[in-house]
Structures are given as C-alpha cells and as structure tokens.
Amino acid sequence: MILMTTILILILMFSNLLMILSIILSKKSFSDREKCSPFECGFDPKSSARIPFSLHFFLITIIFLIFDVEIALIFPIIYLFKTVNFFIWMKTSIFFIIILLLGVYHEWNQNMLIWTN
C-alpha cells in the first residue's frame, strides 16, 4: 500500500514537472508595438475611452441580426413546401413575408436605414 502511494506521488510529481517544463519551453516572447497595443474597434486607443459611440453601429447590428434570424426561419418554410398542403404553405409564407415587409417599412419610416448623419 505504501509502495503504491509512493509510486502515485512520483508519477504526479513527474507529470507536474513535465507540464512546467513544457510551459517554460513553449513560451514565445515576440512582442511588437501592434501586439502590445489594445484593440479598440477602429477607435484611436490613445484618446479618451469615453467618446460617444455612434448609435448607427448598434442599429445596423440589430437590423442585421433580425434579418439573419429571418433567413433561419425561411429555410424550414422552403422544406415544408413538399410535405404540407399547398394552401396552408401559401398562407404561412405570405403571412411571414408581410410581417417582414412591415418590419422593413417601419425601419425605413424611422430612418434607421439612412447612414448619413
């Protein structure tokens, strides 16, 4: 029993030694100005971090997410064309397209699609 615990402790120490050795040997220290500077999404990192953020970026992101999700909803409708009744499929598709067109009309009416400001 004592021999087994000693062997287990030696194996544990050996594996820890190998892990520490691999960390030391694989350490890469290539540092230049670009890698050491923070990434600030196109803003100058030397200026104040509290500059006002343009709301257009946020709105375009939300619009993209909405229309990206609608593509995920259109694919099952295309697949169901062969399996369900044509009139039910047509009603569902037209209803879905009307909702999307109303959404685009609302975004256009609220001037969310205009990028100038």
N, C-alpha and C. Protein backbone atom coordinates (compact mmCIF):
# COMPACT_ATOMS: atom_id res chain seq x y z
N MET A 1 0.82 -1.20 0.00
CA MET A 1 0.00 0.00 0.00
C MET A 1 0.86 1.26 0.00
N ILE A 2 1.90 1.24 0.82
CA ILE A 2 2.79 2.40 0.89
C ILE A 2 3.57 2.54 -0.41
N LEU A 3 3.94 1.43 -1.00
CA LEU A 3 4.65 1.45 -2.27
C LEU A 3 3.78 2.05 -3.37
N MET A 4 2.51 1.70 -3.36
CA MET A 4 1.60 2.22 -4.39
C MET A 4 1.42 3.73 -4.24
N THR A 5 1.25 4.25 -3.03
CA THR A 5 1.11 5.69 -2.84
C THR A 5 2.39 6.42 -3.21
N THR A 6 3.55 5.82 -2.93
CA THR A 6 4.81 6.45 -3.32
C THR A 6 4.93 6.53 -4.84
N ILE A 7 4.52 5.46 -5.52
CA ILE A 7 4.57 5.46 -6.97
C ILE A 7 3.61 6.51 -7.54
N LEU A 8 2.42 6.62 -6.97
CA LEU A 8 1.47 7.61 -7.43
C LEU A 8 1.97 9.05 -7.21
N ILE A 9 2.61 9.27 -6.07
CA ILE A 9 3.16 10.60 -5.80
C ILE A 9 4.29 10.91 -6.77
N LEU A 10 5.13 9.93 -7.07
CA LEU A 10 6.21 10.14 -8.04
C LEU A 10 5.66 10.42 -9.44
N ILE A 11 4.64 9.70 -9.83
CA ILE A 11 4.02 9.95 -11.14
C ILE A 11 3.42 11.35 -11.19
N LEU A 12 2.76 11.75 -10.12
CA LEU A 12 2.18 13.09 -10.06
C LEU A 12 3.25 14.17 -10.12
N MET A 13 4.34 13.98 -9.39
CA MET A 13 5.44 14.95 -9.43
C MET A 13 6.08 15.01 -10.80
N PHE A 14 6.25 13.86 -11.44
CA PHE A 14 6.85 13.81 -12.77
C PHE A 14 5.95 14.50 -13.80
N SER A 15 4.65 14.26 -13.71
CA SER A 15 3.74 14.91 -14.67
C SER A 15 3.69 16.42 -14.44
N ASN A 16 3.73 16.86 -13.19
CA ASN A 16 3.78 18.29 -12.92
C ASN A 16 5.07 18.91 -13.43
N LEU A 17 6.18 18.21 -13.25
CA LEU A 17 7.45 18.69 -13.76
C LEU A 17 7.42 18.81 -15.29
N LEU A 18 6.82 17.83 -15.97
CA LEU A 18 6.71 17.90 -17.43
C LEU A 18 5.82 19.06 -17.88
N MET A 19 4.73 19.30 -17.16
CA MET A 19 3.86 20.42 -17.52
C MET A 19 4.58 21.76 -17.34
N ILE A 20 5.30 21.93 -16.24
CA ILE A 20 6.03 23.17 -16.01
C ILE A 20 7.13 23.34 -17.05
N LEU A 21 7.82 22.27 -17.38
CA LEU A 21 8.87 22.32 -18.40
C LEU A 21 8.30 22.67 -19.77
N SER A 22 7.15 22.12 -20.10
CA SER A 22 6.55 22.44 -21.40
C SER A 22 6.09 23.89 -21.46
N ILE A 23 5.60 24.43 -20.35
CA ILE A 23 5.21 25.84 -20.32
C ILE A 23 6.42 26.75 -20.51
N ILE A 24 7.51 26.41 -19.85
CA ILE A 24 8.72 27.23 -19.97
C ILE A 24 9.29 27.17 -21.38
N LEU A 25 9.32 25.98 -21.98
CA LEU A 25 9.91 25.83 -23.30
C LEU A 25 9.04 26.39 -24.41
N SER A 26 7.73 26.39 -24.23
CA SER A 26 6.86 26.86 -25.30
C SER A 26 6.55 28.34 -25.19
N LYS A 27 7.11 29.03 -24.25
CA LYS A 27 6.84 30.46 -24.08
C LYS A 27 7.45 31.24 -25.23
N LYS A 28 6.61 31.95 -25.96
CA LYS A 28 7.06 32.79 -27.06
C LYS A 28 6.97 34.23 -26.61
N SER A 29 8.01 34.96 -26.83
CA SER A 29 8.01 36.35 -26.38
C SER A 29 8.28 37.29 -27.55
N PHE A 30 7.48 37.15 -28.61
CA PHE A 30 7.56 38.08 -29.72
C PHE A 30 6.60 39.22 -29.42
N SER A 31 7.12 40.34 -29.04
CA SER A 31 6.24 41.47 -28.76
C SER A 31 6.67 42.66 -29.61
N ASP A 32 5.71 43.21 -30.29
CA ASP A 32 5.96 44.43 -31.04
C ASP A 32 4.91 45.46 -30.64
N ARG A 33 4.95 46.61 -31.25
CA ARG A 33 4.06 47.69 -30.86
C ARG A 33 2.59 47.36 -31.12
N GLU A 34 2.31 46.68 -32.22
CA GLU A 34 0.93 46.36 -32.56
C GLU A 34 0.34 45.32 -31.61
N LYS A 35 1.13 44.33 -31.23
CA LYS A 35 0.61 43.30 -30.34
C LYS A 35 0.45 43.79 -28.91
N CYS A 36 1.24 44.76 -28.52
CA CYS A 36 1.14 45.29 -27.15
C CYS A 36 0.07 46.35 -27.01
N SER A 37 -0.40 46.92 -28.12
CA SER A 37 -1.42 47.96 -28.04
C SER A 37 -2.80 47.32 -27.92
N PRO A 38 -3.71 47.96 -27.19
CA PRO A 38 -5.07 47.40 -27.06
C PRO A 38 -5.86 47.57 -28.34
N PHE A 39 -6.73 46.63 -28.60
CA PHE A 39 -7.59 46.71 -29.78
C PHE A 39 -8.85 47.46 -29.40
N GLU A 40 -9.15 48.52 -30.12
CA GLU A 40 -10.26 49.40 -29.74
C GLU A 40 -11.30 49.54 -30.84
N CYS A 41 -11.51 48.55 -31.68
CA CYS A 41 -12.57 48.56 -32.69
C CYS A 41 -12.51 49.77 -33.62
N GLY A 42 -11.34 50.14 -34.05
CA GLY A 42 -11.21 51.23 -35.00
C GLY A 42 -11.04 52.59 -34.38
N PHE A 43 -11.22 52.70 -33.07
CA PHE A 43 -11.01 53.99 -32.41
C PHE A 43 -9.54 54.13 -32.03
N ASP A 44 -9.07 55.34 -31.92
CA ASP A 44 -7.68 55.60 -31.52
C ASP A 44 -7.51 55.22 -30.06
N PRO A 45 -6.66 54.26 -29.72
CA PRO A 45 -6.54 53.82 -28.33
C PRO A 45 -5.86 54.85 -27.43
N LYS A 46 -5.22 55.86 -28.00
CA LYS A 46 -4.54 56.86 -27.17
C LYS A 46 -5.48 57.94 -26.68
N SER A 47 -6.67 58.05 -27.27
CA SER A 47 -7.60 59.08 -26.85
C SER A 47 -8.47 58.58 -25.69
N SER A 48 -9.41 59.39 -25.30
CA SER A 48 -10.29 59.05 -24.18
C SER A 48 -11.17 57.85 -24.52
N ALA A 49 -11.40 57.01 -23.54
CA ALA A 49 -12.25 55.84 -23.76
C ALA A 49 -13.73 56.18 -23.67
N ARG A 50 -14.06 57.39 -23.31
CA ARG A 50 -15.45 57.80 -23.10
C ARG A 50 -15.99 58.66 -24.23
N ILE A 51 -15.51 58.46 -25.46
CA ILE A 51 -16.06 59.22 -26.57
C ILE A 51 -17.43 58.65 -26.91
N PRO A 52 -18.35 59.49 -27.39
CA PRO A 52 -19.70 58.99 -27.69
C PRO A 52 -19.69 57.99 -28.83
N PHE A 53 -20.39 56.91 -28.62
CA PHE A 53 -20.47 55.84 -29.61
C PHE A 53 -21.66 56.11 -30.53
N SER A 54 -21.44 55.96 -31.83
CA SER A 54 -22.49 56.22 -32.79
C SER A 54 -23.59 55.16 -32.67
N LEU A 55 -24.81 55.62 -32.57
CA LEU A 55 -25.94 54.71 -32.43
C LEU A 55 -26.22 53.95 -33.73
N HIS A 56 -25.73 54.47 -34.84
CA HIS A 56 -25.96 53.80 -36.13
C HIS A 56 -25.30 52.41 -36.16
N PHE A 57 -24.13 52.27 -35.53
CA PHE A 57 -23.48 50.95 -35.49
C PHE A 57 -24.39 49.95 -34.78
N PHE A 58 -24.95 50.37 -33.66
CA PHE A 58 -25.83 49.49 -32.90
C PHE A 58 -27.09 49.14 -33.70
N LEU A 59 -27.70 50.13 -34.35
CA LEU A 59 -28.92 49.89 -35.11
C LEU A 59 -28.68 48.96 -36.30
N ILE A 60 -27.57 49.16 -36.99
CA ILE A 60 -27.25 48.28 -38.12
C ILE A 60 -27.02 46.85 -37.63
N THR A 61 -26.40 46.70 -36.47
CA THR A 61 -26.18 45.36 -35.91
C THR A 61 -27.51 44.70 -35.58
N ILE A 62 -28.41 45.42 -34.97
CA ILE A 62 -29.73 44.86 -34.62
C ILE A 62 -30.51 44.50 -35.88
N ILE A 63 -30.47 45.37 -36.89
CA ILE A 63 -31.17 45.08 -38.15
C ILE A 63 -30.58 43.83 -38.80
N PHE A 64 -29.25 43.73 -38.78
CA PHE A 64 -28.62 42.53 -39.34
C PHE A 64 -29.05 41.27 -38.60
N LEU A 65 -29.09 41.33 -37.28
CA LEU A 65 -29.50 40.15 -36.50
C LEU A 65 -30.94 39.76 -36.80
N ILE A 66 -31.81 40.75 -36.93
CA ILE A 66 -33.22 40.45 -37.22
C ILE A 66 -33.34 39.76 -38.57
N PHE A 67 -32.68 40.31 -39.60
CA PHE A 67 -32.81 39.72 -40.92
C PHE A 67 -32.00 38.43 -41.05
N ASP A 68 -31.01 38.25 -40.21
CA ASP A 68 -30.27 36.99 -40.19
C ASP A 68 -31.14 35.88 -39.59
N VAL A 69 -31.90 36.20 -38.56
CA VAL A 69 -32.80 35.21 -37.96
C VAL A 69 -33.93 34.87 -38.93
N GLU A 70 -34.37 35.83 -39.71
CA GLU A 70 -35.46 35.53 -40.66
C GLU A 70 -35.01 34.54 -41.72
N ILE A 71 -33.74 34.56 -42.10
CA ILE A 71 -33.24 33.56 -43.05
C ILE A 71 -33.33 32.17 -42.43
N ALA A 72 -33.02 32.07 -41.14
CA ALA A 72 -33.15 30.78 -40.46
C ALA A 72 -34.60 30.32 -40.38
N LEU A 73 -35.54 31.25 -40.43
CA LEU A 73 -36.95 30.87 -40.41
C LEU A 73 -37.50 30.56 -41.81
N ILE A 74 -36.86 31.10 -42.84
CA ILE A 74 -37.32 30.84 -44.20
C ILE A 74 -36.94 29.43 -44.67
N PHE A 75 -35.81 28.93 -44.26
CA PHE A 75 -35.37 27.60 -44.71
C PHE A 75 -36.37 26.49 -44.39
N PRO A 76 -36.94 26.42 -43.18
CA PRO A 76 -37.95 25.38 -42.95
C PRO A 76 -39.21 25.56 -43.79
N ILE A 77 -39.56 26.79 -44.11
CA ILE A 77 -40.73 27.02 -44.96
C ILE A 77 -40.49 26.43 -46.35
N ILE A 78 -39.28 26.59 -46.86
CA ILE A 78 -38.95 26.02 -48.17
C ILE A 78 -39.02 24.50 -48.11
N TYR A 79 -38.52 23.92 -47.03
CA TYR A 79 -38.53 22.47 -46.89
C TYR A 79 -39.97 21.93 -46.77
N LEU A 80 -40.84 22.67 -46.11
CA LEU A 80 -42.21 22.21 -45.90
C LEU A 80 -43.07 22.29 -47.15
N PHE A 81 -42.58 22.90 -48.20
CA PHE A 81 -43.34 23.02 -49.43
C PHE A 81 -43.77 21.65 -49.97
N LYS A 82 -42.90 20.66 -49.84
CA LYS A 82 -43.20 19.33 -50.37
C LYS A 82 -44.05 18.48 -49.43
N THR A 83 -44.12 18.85 -48.16
CA THR A 83 -44.75 17.95 -47.19
C THR A 83 -46.14 18.39 -46.72
N VAL A 84 -46.47 19.67 -46.82
CA VAL A 84 -47.77 20.12 -46.31
C VAL A 84 -48.67 20.55 -47.47
N ASN A 85 -49.91 20.84 -47.13
CA ASN A 85 -50.89 21.31 -48.09
C ASN A 85 -50.43 22.65 -48.69
N PHE A 86 -50.63 22.80 -49.99
CA PHE A 86 -50.15 23.99 -50.69
C PHE A 86 -50.79 25.26 -50.16
N PHE A 87 -52.09 25.23 -49.87
CA PHE A 87 -52.77 26.44 -49.42
C PHE A 87 -52.32 26.85 -48.01
N ILE A 88 -52.09 25.89 -47.15
CA ILE A 88 -51.56 26.20 -45.81
C ILE A 88 -50.16 26.78 -45.93
N TRP A 89 -49.35 26.18 -46.80
CA TRP A 89 -47.99 26.68 -47.01
C TRP A 89 -48.03 28.10 -47.57
N MET A 90 -48.92 28.36 -48.51
CA MET A 90 -49.01 29.69 -49.12
C MET A 90 -49.46 30.73 -48.09
N LYS A 91 -50.44 30.39 -47.24
CA LYS A 91 -50.89 31.33 -46.22
C LYS A 91 -49.77 31.65 -45.24
N THR A 92 -49.05 30.63 -44.81
CA THR A 92 -47.96 30.83 -43.87
C THR A 92 -46.85 31.67 -44.49
N SER A 93 -46.48 31.38 -45.72
CA SER A 93 -45.42 32.12 -46.39
C SER A 93 -45.81 33.57 -46.61
N ILE A 94 -47.01 33.81 -47.07
CA ILE A 94 -47.46 35.19 -47.30
C ILE A 94 -47.52 35.96 -45.99
N PHE A 95 -48.01 35.32 -44.92
CA PHE A 95 -48.07 35.97 -43.61
C PHE A 95 -46.67 36.35 -43.14
N PHE A 96 -45.72 35.43 -43.29
CA PHE A 96 -44.34 35.68 -42.88
C PHE A 96 -43.73 36.81 -43.69
N ILE A 97 -43.94 36.82 -44.99
CA ILE A 97 -43.38 37.86 -45.85
C ILE A 97 -44.02 39.22 -45.55
N ILE A 98 -45.30 39.24 -45.24
CA ILE A 98 -45.96 40.51 -44.88
C ILE A 98 -45.38 41.07 -43.59
N ILE A 99 -45.13 40.20 -42.61
CA ILE A 99 -44.51 40.67 -41.36
C ILE A 99 -43.13 41.25 -41.63
N LEU A 100 -42.34 40.59 -42.48
CA LEU A 100 -41.01 41.10 -42.81
C LEU A 100 -41.08 42.42 -43.56
N LEU A 101 -42.01 42.54 -44.49
CA LEU A 101 -42.15 43.80 -45.23
C LEU A 101 -42.62 44.93 -44.33
N LEU A 102 -43.48 44.63 -43.38
CA LEU A 102 -43.90 45.64 -42.40
C LEU A 102 -42.71 46.08 -41.54
N GLY A 103 -41.84 45.14 -41.19
CA GLY A 103 -40.64 45.49 -40.42
C GLY A 103 -39.70 46.38 -41.20
N VAL A 104 -39.49 46.07 -42.48
CA VAL A 104 -38.64 46.91 -43.33
C VAL A 104 -39.26 48.28 -43.50
N TYR A 105 -40.58 48.34 -43.70
CA TYR A 105 -41.26 49.63 -43.84
C TYR A 105 -41.11 50.46 -42.57
N HIS A 106 -41.24 49.82 -41.41
CA HIS A 106 -41.09 50.54 -40.14
C HIS A 106 -39.67 51.08 -39.98
N GLU A 107 -38.66 50.26 -40.31
CA GLU A 107 -37.27 50.72 -40.23
C GLU A 107 -37.02 51.87 -41.20
N TRP A 108 -37.58 51.79 -42.38
CA TRP A 108 -37.42 52.84 -43.37
C TRP A 108 -38.14 54.12 -42.91
N ASN A 109 -39.33 53.96 -42.34
CA ASN A 109 -40.11 55.10 -41.85
C ASN A 109 -39.41 55.79 -40.68
N GLN A 110 -38.70 55.04 -39.85
CA GLN A 110 -37.99 55.60 -38.70
C GLN A 110 -36.59 56.10 -39.07
N ASN A 111 -36.24 56.06 -40.36
CA ASN A 111 -34.93 56.50 -40.88
C ASN A 111 -33.77 55.70 -40.28
N MET A 112 -33.99 54.43 -39.99
CA MET A 112 -32.92 53.59 -39.48
C MET A 112 -32.00 53.10 -40.59
N LEU A 113 -32.47 53.11 -41.81
CA LEU A 113 -31.68 52.61 -42.92
C LEU A 113 -30.84 53.70 -43.58
N ILE A 114 -30.95 54.94 -43.12
CA ILE A 114 -30.17 56.04 -43.65
C ILE A 114 -28.89 56.17 -42.83
N TRP A 115 -27.75 56.11 -43.48
CA TRP A 115 -26.47 56.08 -42.77
C TRP A 115 -25.87 57.48 -42.60
N THR A 116 -26.40 58.50 -43.23
CA THR A 116 -25.82 59.84 -43.11
C THR A 116 -26.33 60.52 -41.86
N ASN A 117 -25.42 61.22 -41.21
CA ASN A 117 -25.79 61.98 -40.02
C ASN A 117 -24.73 62.98 -39.66
